[in-house]
Amino acid sequence: MRSCVFDRDFQQRHRTKSSAFSRDRKLTFPRVILFLIQKSVKPLQIALNELFDRVDATCLSVSASAFSQARVKLAHTAFIELNKSGVVDTLYGDADYRTWRGFRVLAVDGSTIILPDSASVREEFGAIRIANQHMSVTGDRCCGLASVLYDVLNRVVINSILAPARAYEVDLAIDHLKDVDPTRDLLVFDRYYPSYRYLATLTKAGVPFVGRCSNRSFAPANKMFNTSTRSSRVVTLTPPHDKRRQTEEANLPSSLRVRFVRVELENGEIEVLVTSLIDEKLYDLSALRELYRLRWGVETFFDVIKNRLSLENFTGKSAEAVKQDFYSTIFLSGVETLLVGTAQKELDSRTSQNPQKVNKTVAFNTIKNHALDLFFSDMDIEELNTKLTNLFLTSPVCVRPKRNPTRSKTTDRARANYYKRVKKHAC
């Protein structure tokens, strides 16, 4: 990743125009990349002052306006390539990664991201009506739909898309399939995805899947919500009458053989799963329940980028600035996954009553503070890795997998007090 940022070919691929970053300026291509990777939530001018105090002490000042002009020259695609070549390819390069029965478990999911309200953002992403937790509408807000293909066992984003607010999640999920390998990947998805079109697309591509059904999806699934006579059933699905022509035009299968499974949770709630894993002996109810439970990892991922990394606290108001912040956040989350691996293995080797994991707030703060050493210095990698590992091991978090605290509603006043006086940012 160090050599990539300084590579002339890389810079040429990710400039908005051929003349960008061609003159001798303080805000060079690598420095703009570095600033965005740091994901600071401080005022822009303060963050710039702190950066140049470290990278160029001879520079008296770089204004926020100068940075805004410099970032226009950078294309957000730089962070997409950095995540692909620097994170994804590195993680899977040596084949030393976690699997479930030989499969990479990839979760596809989407989340609404509140964006800055500006003319260019509204034009590219649009606006939708947002309701708060009390279901009262607060008016139109500029929003985007973030969709990710996420490896839940290895905690890395393989592919991500920031789409307009009214984009259809299934369309984005189908677009993710270009990064899915049918020979080693298994997809899991929530109840908003199962449709004949999506399942048929997965079947045609040969991708195994497990998804949750809503009680208004397929007729066989609806019956299993209301009766407990059968916990597993293999059926043949056909497209709805009004979708048959669309199915034929897309050259999708005219019928699908799938399995519906009824699962009862500890709290008595019923879930119905649809899967291409037909073999009931090889994939029994407990196996499918365990597999679908892994999907929760993508939910916690969105919590991390929204709350720990303050994704919605954007550093610019243009559509391109929004995409730079989004894809740099995805990249930073992948870098964290790679770097904390050694520290996490050491925590796993310790004998204690409760297992421990690296504190993400500590990890992200450490990476931000050492971004200059990581990407732009000649410091020995092994020496730097040892230093970072020691920092990652401070203040680990206990893991209590069976803990299931009761969720209570929070008032708007309590939430405001938390964000104003309690929450600590990994600046």
Protein backbone atom coordinates (compact mmCIF):
# COMPACT_ATOMS: atom_id res chain seq x y z
CA MET A 1 0.00 0.00 0.00
CA ARG A 2 2.95 2.32 0.67
CA SER A 3 4.32 1.99 -2.85
CA CYS A 4 0.85 2.12 -4.42
CA VAL A 5 0.03 5.63 -3.19
CA PHE A 6 3.28 7.04 -4.63
CA ASP A 7 3.07 5.08 -7.88
CA ARG A 8 2.65 7.40 -10.88
CA ASP A 9 0.39 4.97 -12.74
CA PHE A 10 -1.87 4.69 -9.68
CA GLN A 11 -2.05 8.47 -9.40
CA GLN A 12 -2.87 8.87 -13.09
CA ARG A 13 -5.68 6.30 -12.84
CA HIS A 14 -7.32 8.20 -10.01
CA ARG A 15 -7.01 11.84 -11.00
CA THR A 16 -10.11 13.68 -12.15
CA LYS A 17 -8.12 15.23 -15.01
CA SER A 18 -4.72 14.69 -16.56
CA SER A 19 -3.27 17.97 -15.28
CA ALA A 20 -4.25 17.33 -11.64
CA PHE A 21 -1.42 17.13 -9.07
CA SER A 22 1.13 17.95 -11.77
CA ARG A 23 2.44 21.12 -10.10
CA ASP A 24 4.60 21.33 -6.98
CA ARG A 25 2.05 21.97 -4.21
CA LYS A 26 1.88 21.33 -0.48
CA LEU A 27 -1.27 19.25 -0.91
CA THR A 28 0.12 16.45 -3.03
CA PHE A 29 -1.79 13.35 -4.11
CA PRO A 30 -0.39 11.21 -1.22
CA ARG A 31 -1.11 13.90 1.36
CA VAL A 32 -4.74 14.27 0.29
CA ILE A 33 -5.06 10.47 0.55
CA LEU A 34 -3.44 10.55 4.00
CA PHE A 35 -5.76 13.25 5.28
CA LEU A 36 -8.89 11.40 4.17
CA ILE A 37 -7.68 8.10 5.64
CA GLN A 38 -7.33 9.71 9.07
CA LYS A 39 -11.12 10.24 9.24
CA SER A 40 -10.84 13.11 11.70
CA VAL A 41 -14.05 14.53 13.19
CA LYS A 42 -12.27 17.72 14.21
CA PRO A 43 -12.84 21.03 12.38
CA LEU A 44 -11.18 20.85 8.97
CA GLN A 45 -8.64 23.62 9.62
CA ILE A 46 -7.53 22.13 12.95
CA ALA A 47 -7.10 18.69 11.37
CA LEU A 48 -5.02 20.21 8.56
CA ASN A 49 -2.84 22.12 11.02
CA GLU A 50 -2.14 18.91 12.96
CA LEU A 51 -1.35 16.95 9.80
CA PHE A 52 1.15 19.44 8.39
CA ASP A 53 2.77 19.88 11.79
CA ARG A 54 3.86 16.25 11.34
CA VAL A 55 4.49 15.92 7.60
CA ASP A 56 5.94 19.35 6.82
CA ALA A 57 6.90 21.55 9.76
CA THR A 58 8.28 24.19 7.37
CA CYS A 59 4.78 24.80 6.00
CA LEU A 60 3.23 27.62 8.01
CA SER A 61 -0.38 26.94 7.03
CA VAL A 62 -2.62 25.12 4.57
CA SER A 63 -6.12 26.51 4.49
CA ALA A 64 -9.32 24.51 4.48
CA SER A 65 -10.16 26.19 1.18
CA ALA A 66 -6.91 24.92 -0.34
CA PHE A 67 -7.74 21.39 0.74
CA SER A 68 -11.24 21.66 -0.72
CA GLN A 69 -9.71 22.67 -4.05
CA ALA A 70 -7.12 19.89 -3.90
CA ARG A 71 -9.60 17.10 -3.16
CA VAL A 72 -11.53 17.98 -6.32
CA LYS A 73 -8.55 16.61 -8.26
CA LEU A 74 -8.76 13.20 -6.54
CA ALA A 75 -11.17 10.50 -7.69
CA HIS A 76 -12.85 8.34 -5.04
CA THR A 77 -11.89 5.26 -7.08
CA ALA A 78 -8.43 5.45 -5.47
CA PHE A 79 -9.87 4.07 -2.23
CA ILE A 80 -11.77 1.33 -4.07
CA GLU A 81 -8.53 0.10 -5.63
CA LEU A 82 -6.64 0.43 -2.34
CA ASN A 83 -9.25 -1.71 -0.60
CA LYS A 84 -9.13 -4.31 -3.38
CA SER A 85 -5.35 -4.57 -3.79
CA GLY A 86 -4.22 -3.61 -0.31
CA VAL A 87 -6.84 -5.29 1.88
CA VAL A 88 -8.86 -7.95 0.05
CA ASP A 89 -6.03 -9.41 -2.03
CA THR A 90 -3.70 -9.37 0.98
CA LEU A 91 -6.20 -11.13 3.25
CA TYR A 92 -6.98 -13.94 0.82
CA GLY A 93 -3.55 -14.10 -0.79
CA ASP A 94 -2.08 -16.74 1.52
CA ALA A 95 -5.32 -18.77 1.93
CA ASP A 96 -5.06 -18.35 5.72
CA TYR A 97 -8.57 -17.12 6.42
CA ARG A 98 -11.64 -18.38 8.28
CA THR A 99 -14.38 -20.38 6.58
CA TRP A 100 -17.60 -22.22 7.49
CA ARG A 101 -17.41 -25.79 6.21
CA GLY A 102 -15.07 -24.66 3.48
CA PHE A 103 -17.17 -21.62 2.45
CA ARG A 104 -16.45 -17.95 2.79
CA VAL A 105 -19.65 -16.63 4.36
CA LEU A 106 -20.55 -13.41 2.56
CA ALA A 107 -23.41 -11.27 3.82
CA VAL A 108 -25.06 -8.76 1.53
CA ASP A 109 -26.88 -5.89 3.20
CA GLY A 110 -27.72 -2.24 2.80
CA SER A 111 -28.11 0.74 5.09
CA THR A 112 -29.39 4.28 4.61
CA ILE A 113 -26.69 6.94 5.03
CA ILE A 114 -27.67 10.53 5.80
CA LEU A 115 -25.68 12.85 3.52
CA PRO A 116 -24.90 16.58 3.55
CA ASP A 117 -27.65 18.69 2.01
CA SER A 118 -26.22 20.37 -1.07
CA ALA A 119 -27.28 20.80 -4.68
CA SER A 120 -24.77 18.30 -6.10
CA VAL A 121 -25.60 15.68 -3.46
CA ARG A 122 -29.35 16.03 -4.05
CA GLU A 123 -28.83 15.78 -7.78
CA GLU A 124 -26.77 12.56 -7.57
CA PHE A 125 -28.28 10.77 -4.57
CA GLY A 126 -31.72 12.30 -4.08
CA ALA A 127 -33.71 12.72 -0.88
CA ILE A 128 -36.21 10.60 1.04
CA ARG A 129 -38.51 11.12 3.98
CA ILE A 130 -36.89 10.01 7.24
CA ALA A 131 -38.77 8.94 10.38
CA ASN A 132 -37.20 8.98 13.83
CA GLN A 133 -37.43 6.16 16.38
CA HIS A 134 -40.91 7.38 17.40
CA MET A 135 -42.00 7.02 13.75
CA SER A 136 -42.69 10.71 13.31
CA VAL A 137 -41.59 12.04 9.92
CA THR A 138 -38.90 14.68 10.12
CA GLY A 139 -38.99 15.77 6.46
CA ASP A 140 -36.92 15.13 3.36
CA ARG A 141 -33.23 14.38 3.93
CA CYS A 142 -30.41 13.86 1.45
CA CYS A 143 -29.58 10.18 1.72
CA GLY A 144 -27.65 7.43 0.00
CA LEU A 145 -28.03 3.67 0.13
CA ALA A 146 -24.81 1.91 1.13
CA SER A 147 -24.69 -1.73 0.03
CA VAL A 148 -21.83 -4.06 0.96
CA LEU A 149 -20.67 -7.59 0.28
CA TYR A 150 -19.11 -8.44 3.63
CA ASP A 151 -17.11 -11.46 4.77
CA VAL A 152 -18.59 -11.94 8.24
CA LEU A 153 -15.92 -14.38 9.47
CA ASN A 154 -12.91 -12.36 8.32
CA ARG A 155 -14.51 -8.93 8.82
CA VAL A 156 -13.66 -7.38 5.47
CA VAL A 157 -15.70 -5.64 2.78
CA ILE A 158 -15.14 -7.33 -0.57
CA ASN A 159 -17.30 -4.92 -2.54
CA SER A 160 -19.22 -1.76 -1.65
CA ILE A 161 -21.59 0.59 -3.46
CA LEU A 162 -22.93 4.01 -2.44
CA ALA A 163 -26.10 4.38 -4.50
CA PRO A 164 -28.95 6.90 -4.69
CA ALA A 165 -31.43 6.86 -1.83
CA ARG A 166 -34.21 5.22 -3.85
CA ALA A 167 -32.04 2.48 -5.34
CA TYR A 168 -33.40 -1.08 -5.10
CA GLU A 169 -31.35 -3.23 -2.73
CA VAL A 170 -31.78 -6.36 -4.86
CA ASP A 171 -30.30 -4.58 -7.90
CA LEU A 172 -27.25 -3.66 -5.82
CA ALA A 173 -27.01 -7.20 -4.44
CA ILE A 174 -26.98 -8.59 -7.98
CA ASP A 175 -24.24 -6.11 -8.89
CA HIS A 176 -22.13 -7.55 -6.03
CA LEU A 177 -22.16 -10.98 -7.69
CA LYS A 178 -19.24 -10.03 -9.93
CA ASP A 179 -17.05 -10.45 -6.82
CA VAL A 180 -18.59 -13.75 -5.70
CA ASP A 181 -16.88 -17.06 -6.44
CA PRO A 182 -19.51 -19.86 -6.66
CA THR A 183 -16.89 -22.51 -5.85
CA ARG A 184 -16.01 -21.14 -2.41
CA ASP A 185 -18.61 -18.54 -1.39
CA LEU A 186 -21.96 -18.82 0.35
CA LEU A 187 -24.33 -15.83 0.52
CA VAL A 188 -26.53 -14.93 3.50
CA PHE A 189 -29.11 -12.15 3.40
CA ASP A 190 -32.00 -10.67 5.35
CA ARG A 191 -35.74 -10.82 4.71
CA TYR A 192 -35.79 -7.83 2.34
CA TYR A 193 -33.90 -9.72 -0.38
CA PRO A 194 -35.74 -13.00 -1.12
CA SER A 195 -37.65 -12.67 -4.38
CA TYR A 196 -37.95 -15.06 -7.28
CA ARG A 197 -35.72 -12.85 -9.41
CA TYR A 198 -32.90 -12.73 -6.84
CA LEU A 199 -33.02 -16.44 -5.99
CA ALA A 200 -33.14 -17.31 -9.68
CA THR A 201 -30.13 -15.08 -10.37
CA LEU A 202 -28.16 -16.81 -7.60
CA THR A 203 -29.23 -20.23 -8.87
CA LYS A 204 -28.19 -19.39 -12.43
CA ALA A 205 -24.80 -18.21 -11.16
CA GLY A 206 -24.40 -21.37 -9.09
CA VAL A 207 -24.04 -19.46 -5.81
CA PRO A 208 -25.27 -21.29 -2.68
CA PHE A 209 -27.38 -19.13 -0.36
CA VAL A 210 -29.32 -18.90 2.88
CA GLY A 211 -31.79 -16.05 3.38
CA ARG A 212 -34.51 -15.09 5.78
CA CYS A 213 -38.08 -14.82 4.47
CA SER A 214 -40.71 -12.32 5.49
CA ASN A 215 -44.24 -13.51 6.24
CA ARG A 216 -45.35 -12.00 2.93
CA SER A 217 -42.82 -13.58 0.61
CA PHE A 218 -43.40 -17.08 -0.78
CA ALA A 219 -46.55 -19.12 -0.10
CA PRO A 220 -44.64 -22.14 1.33
CA ALA A 221 -42.80 -19.82 3.71
CA ASN A 222 -46.04 -18.14 4.82
CA LYS A 223 -47.52 -21.51 5.74
CA MET A 224 -44.49 -22.39 7.88
CA PHE A 225 -44.96 -19.23 9.92
CA ASN A 226 -48.41 -20.44 10.93
CA THR A 227 -47.81 -24.16 11.47
CA SER A 228 -45.16 -26.27 13.17
CA THR A 229 -46.02 -29.57 11.51
CA ARG A 230 -42.92 -29.49 9.31
CA SER A 231 -39.62 -27.78 10.12
CA SER A 232 -38.02 -28.42 6.72
CA ARG A 233 -39.57 -28.61 3.29
CA VAL A 234 -38.14 -28.81 -0.24
CA VAL A 235 -40.34 -27.18 -2.88
CA THR A 236 -40.23 -26.04 -6.48
CA LEU A 237 -40.84 -22.33 -7.03
CA THR A 238 -42.08 -20.71 -10.23
CA PRO A 239 -42.13 -16.99 -11.04
CA PRO A 240 -45.28 -14.97 -10.28
CA HIS A 241 -47.59 -14.48 -13.26
CA ASP A 242 -46.73 -10.80 -13.59
CA LYS A 243 -42.97 -11.56 -13.54
CA ARG A 244 -42.80 -14.43 -16.03
CA ARG A 245 -42.04 -12.27 -19.04
CA GLN A 246 -39.35 -10.40 -17.12
CA THR A 247 -37.88 -13.76 -16.05
CA GLU A 248 -37.78 -15.01 -19.63
CA GLU A 249 -36.21 -11.83 -20.95
CA ALA A 250 -33.50 -12.05 -18.31
CA ASN A 251 -32.90 -15.69 -19.28
CA LEU A 252 -33.47 -16.84 -15.69
CA PRO A 253 -34.57 -20.37 -14.72
CA SER A 254 -38.32 -20.96 -15.09
CA SER A 255 -38.37 -22.99 -11.86
CA LEU A 256 -36.26 -23.27 -8.71
CA ARG A 257 -35.82 -26.14 -6.27
CA VAL A 258 -35.22 -24.65 -2.82
CA ARG A 259 -35.64 -25.63 0.80
CA PHE A 260 -37.62 -23.75 3.44
CA VAL A 261 -36.64 -24.19 7.08
CA ARG A 262 -38.61 -23.16 10.17
CA VAL A 263 -36.43 -22.01 13.09
CA GLU A 264 -37.66 -21.09 16.55
CA LEU A 265 -35.50 -18.62 18.48
CA GLU A 266 -34.90 -18.60 22.24
CA ASN A 267 -37.50 -15.86 22.70
CA GLY A 268 -40.15 -17.88 20.86
CA GLU A 269 -39.98 -15.85 17.66
CA ILE A 270 -40.29 -17.83 14.42
CA GLU A 271 -37.95 -17.38 11.48
CA VAL A 272 -38.29 -19.08 8.10
CA LEU A 273 -35.16 -19.47 6.01
CA VAL A 274 -34.90 -20.22 2.30
CA THR A 275 -31.78 -22.00 1.09
CA SER A 276 -30.22 -23.83 -1.81
CA LEU A 277 -28.62 -26.27 0.66
CA ILE A 278 -31.09 -29.09 0.04
CA ASP A 279 -29.29 -31.95 1.85
CA GLU A 280 -31.08 -32.19 5.22
CA LYS A 281 -28.47 -34.55 6.71
CA LEU A 282 -25.47 -32.44 5.78
CA TYR A 283 -27.18 -29.16 6.64
CA ASP A 284 -29.59 -29.81 9.50
CA LEU A 285 -31.62 -27.19 11.36
CA SER A 286 -28.91 -26.39 13.89
CA ALA A 287 -26.32 -25.89 11.12
CA LEU A 288 -28.53 -23.49 9.17
CA ARG A 289 -29.44 -21.64 12.34
CA GLU A 290 -25.75 -21.24 13.17
CA LEU A 291 -25.02 -20.13 9.61
CA TYR A 292 -27.72 -17.48 9.45
CA ARG A 293 -26.73 -16.16 12.86
CA LEU A 294 -23.34 -15.25 11.36
CA ARG A 295 -25.13 -12.63 9.26
CA TRP A 296 -25.25 -10.38 12.32
CA GLY A 297 -21.63 -9.49 11.56
CA VAL A 298 -22.69 -7.18 8.74
CA GLU A 299 -25.06 -5.36 11.10
CA THR A 300 -22.23 -4.70 13.54
CA PHE A 301 -20.08 -3.54 10.61
CA PHE A 302 -22.55 -0.78 9.77
CA ASP A 303 -22.62 0.15 13.46
CA VAL A 304 -18.82 0.48 13.40
CA ILE A 305 -18.58 2.72 10.34
CA LYS A 306 -21.52 4.89 11.38
CA ASN A 307 -20.75 5.29 15.08
CA ARG A 308 -17.08 4.44 15.70
CA LEU A 309 -15.83 6.03 12.47
CA SER A 310 -18.53 8.73 12.28
CA LEU A 311 -19.20 8.07 8.60
CA GLU A 312 -22.09 10.53 8.46
CA ASN A 313 -19.83 13.33 9.73
CA PHE A 314 -18.64 14.15 6.21
CA THR A 315 -15.65 16.37 5.47
CA GLY A 316 -17.20 17.96 2.36
CA LYS A 317 -20.55 18.80 0.80
CA SER A 318 -20.04 17.79 -2.82
CA ALA A 319 -21.12 14.43 -4.24
CA GLU A 320 -17.49 13.48 -4.93
CA ALA A 321 -16.43 14.44 -1.38
CA VAL A 322 -19.20 12.21 -0.02
CA LYS A 323 -17.92 9.28 -2.10
CA GLN A 324 -14.33 9.94 -1.02
CA ASP A 325 -15.35 9.81 2.64
CA PHE A 326 -17.47 6.70 2.17
CA TYR A 327 -14.92 4.60 0.30
CA SER A 328 -12.02 5.78 2.48
CA THR A 329 -14.02 4.62 5.51
CA ILE A 330 -14.50 1.20 3.91
CA PHE A 331 -10.77 1.05 3.24
CA LEU A 332 -9.88 2.10 6.81
CA SER A 333 -12.14 -0.61 8.26
CA GLY A 334 -10.27 -3.19 6.17
CA VAL A 335 -6.88 -1.88 7.26
CA GLU A 336 -7.99 -2.26 10.88
CA THR A 337 -8.96 -5.87 10.25
CA LEU A 338 -5.54 -6.67 8.78
CA LEU A 339 -3.51 -4.90 11.45
CA VAL A 340 -5.26 -6.22 14.58
CA GLY A 341 -4.86 -9.86 13.48
CA THR A 342 -1.68 -10.47 15.46
CA ALA A 343 -3.06 -8.80 18.58
CA GLN A 344 -6.31 -10.77 18.35
CA LYS A 345 -4.41 -14.07 18.08
CA GLU A 346 -2.53 -13.21 21.25
CA LEU A 347 -5.78 -12.42 23.06
CA ASP A 348 -7.27 -15.70 21.82
CA SER A 349 -4.30 -17.61 23.25
CA ARG A 350 -4.82 -16.21 26.74
CA THR A 351 -6.71 -18.38 29.19
CA SER A 352 -9.49 -16.47 30.89
CA GLN A 353 -13.09 -16.98 31.93
CA ASN A 354 -14.33 -14.77 29.12
CA PRO A 355 -12.67 -14.43 25.71
CA GLN A 356 -11.44 -10.99 24.75
CA LYS A 357 -11.22 -8.98 21.55
CA VAL A 358 -9.35 -5.87 20.48
CA ASN A 359 -11.06 -2.64 21.48
CA LYS A 360 -12.09 -1.03 18.18
CA THR A 361 -11.98 2.50 19.56
CA VAL A 362 -8.36 1.94 20.58
CA ALA A 363 -7.56 0.24 17.27
CA PHE A 364 -8.96 2.97 15.02
CA ASN A 365 -7.39 5.73 17.10
CA THR A 366 -4.02 3.96 16.90
CA ILE A 367 -4.27 3.58 13.13
CA LYS A 368 -5.26 7.23 12.66
CA ASN A 369 -2.37 8.44 14.82
CA HIS A 370 0.12 6.21 12.98
CA ALA A 371 -1.26 6.60 9.45
CA LEU A 372 1.81 8.62 8.49
CA ASP A 373 4.13 5.79 9.60
CA LEU A 374 1.92 3.14 7.99
CA PHE A 375 1.60 4.61 4.53
CA PHE A 376 4.19 7.35 4.05
CA SER A 377 7.37 6.54 5.99
CA ASP A 378 10.34 4.19 5.56
CA MET A 379 9.90 2.76 9.06
CA ASP A 380 10.54 -0.98 9.21
CA ILE A 381 7.27 -2.88 8.86
CA GLU A 382 8.09 -5.50 11.51
CA GLU A 383 9.10 -2.83 14.01
CA LEU A 384 5.96 -0.83 13.30
CA ASN A 385 3.75 -3.93 13.53
CA THR A 386 5.18 -4.77 16.96
CA LYS A 387 4.55 -1.23 18.16
CA LEU A 388 0.97 -1.22 16.89
CA THR A 389 0.25 -4.67 18.32
CA ASN A 390 1.29 -3.53 21.79
CA LEU A 391 -1.07 -0.57 21.50
CA PHE A 392 -3.92 -2.76 20.21
CA LEU A 393 -3.58 -5.00 23.28
CA THR A 394 -4.42 -2.15 25.66
CA SER A 395 -7.90 -2.14 27.16
CA PRO A 396 -9.34 -5.25 25.42
CA VAL A 397 -13.09 -5.89 25.49
CA CYS A 398 -14.63 -9.02 27.02
CA VAL A 399 -16.83 -11.13 24.74
CA ARG A 400 -19.99 -12.53 26.32
CA PRO A 401 -21.76 -14.40 23.50
CA LYS A 402 -24.72 -15.61 25.59
CA ARG A 403 -25.50 -12.20 27.05
CA ASN A 404 -28.85 -10.94 25.79
CA PRO A 405 -29.76 -7.74 27.65
CA THR A 406 -33.23 -6.32 27.32
CA ARG A 407 -33.35 -3.46 24.83
CA SER A 408 -35.01 -0.36 26.21
CA LYS A 409 -36.32 2.66 24.34
CA THR A 410 -34.28 5.80 24.65
CA THR A 411 -35.77 9.29 24.67
CA ASP A 412 -34.48 11.96 22.34
CA ARG A 413 -33.24 13.96 25.35
CA ALA A 414 -31.23 10.99 26.66
CA ARG A 415 -29.72 10.38 23.23
CA ALA A 416 -28.76 14.04 22.91
CA ASN A 417 -27.15 13.96 26.35
CA TYR A 418 -25.17 10.84 25.40
CA TYR A 419 -23.75 12.33 22.22
CA LYS A 420 -23.04 15.68 23.91
CA ARG A 421 -21.53 14.58 27.25
CA VAL A 422 -20.81 10.85 27.25
CA LYS A 423 -19.68 9.54 23.86
CA LYS A 424 -15.94 9.69 23.20
CA HIS A 425 -14.72 9.96 19.60
CA ALA A 426 -11.67 8.21 18.17
CA CYS A 427 -10.51 11.52 16.64
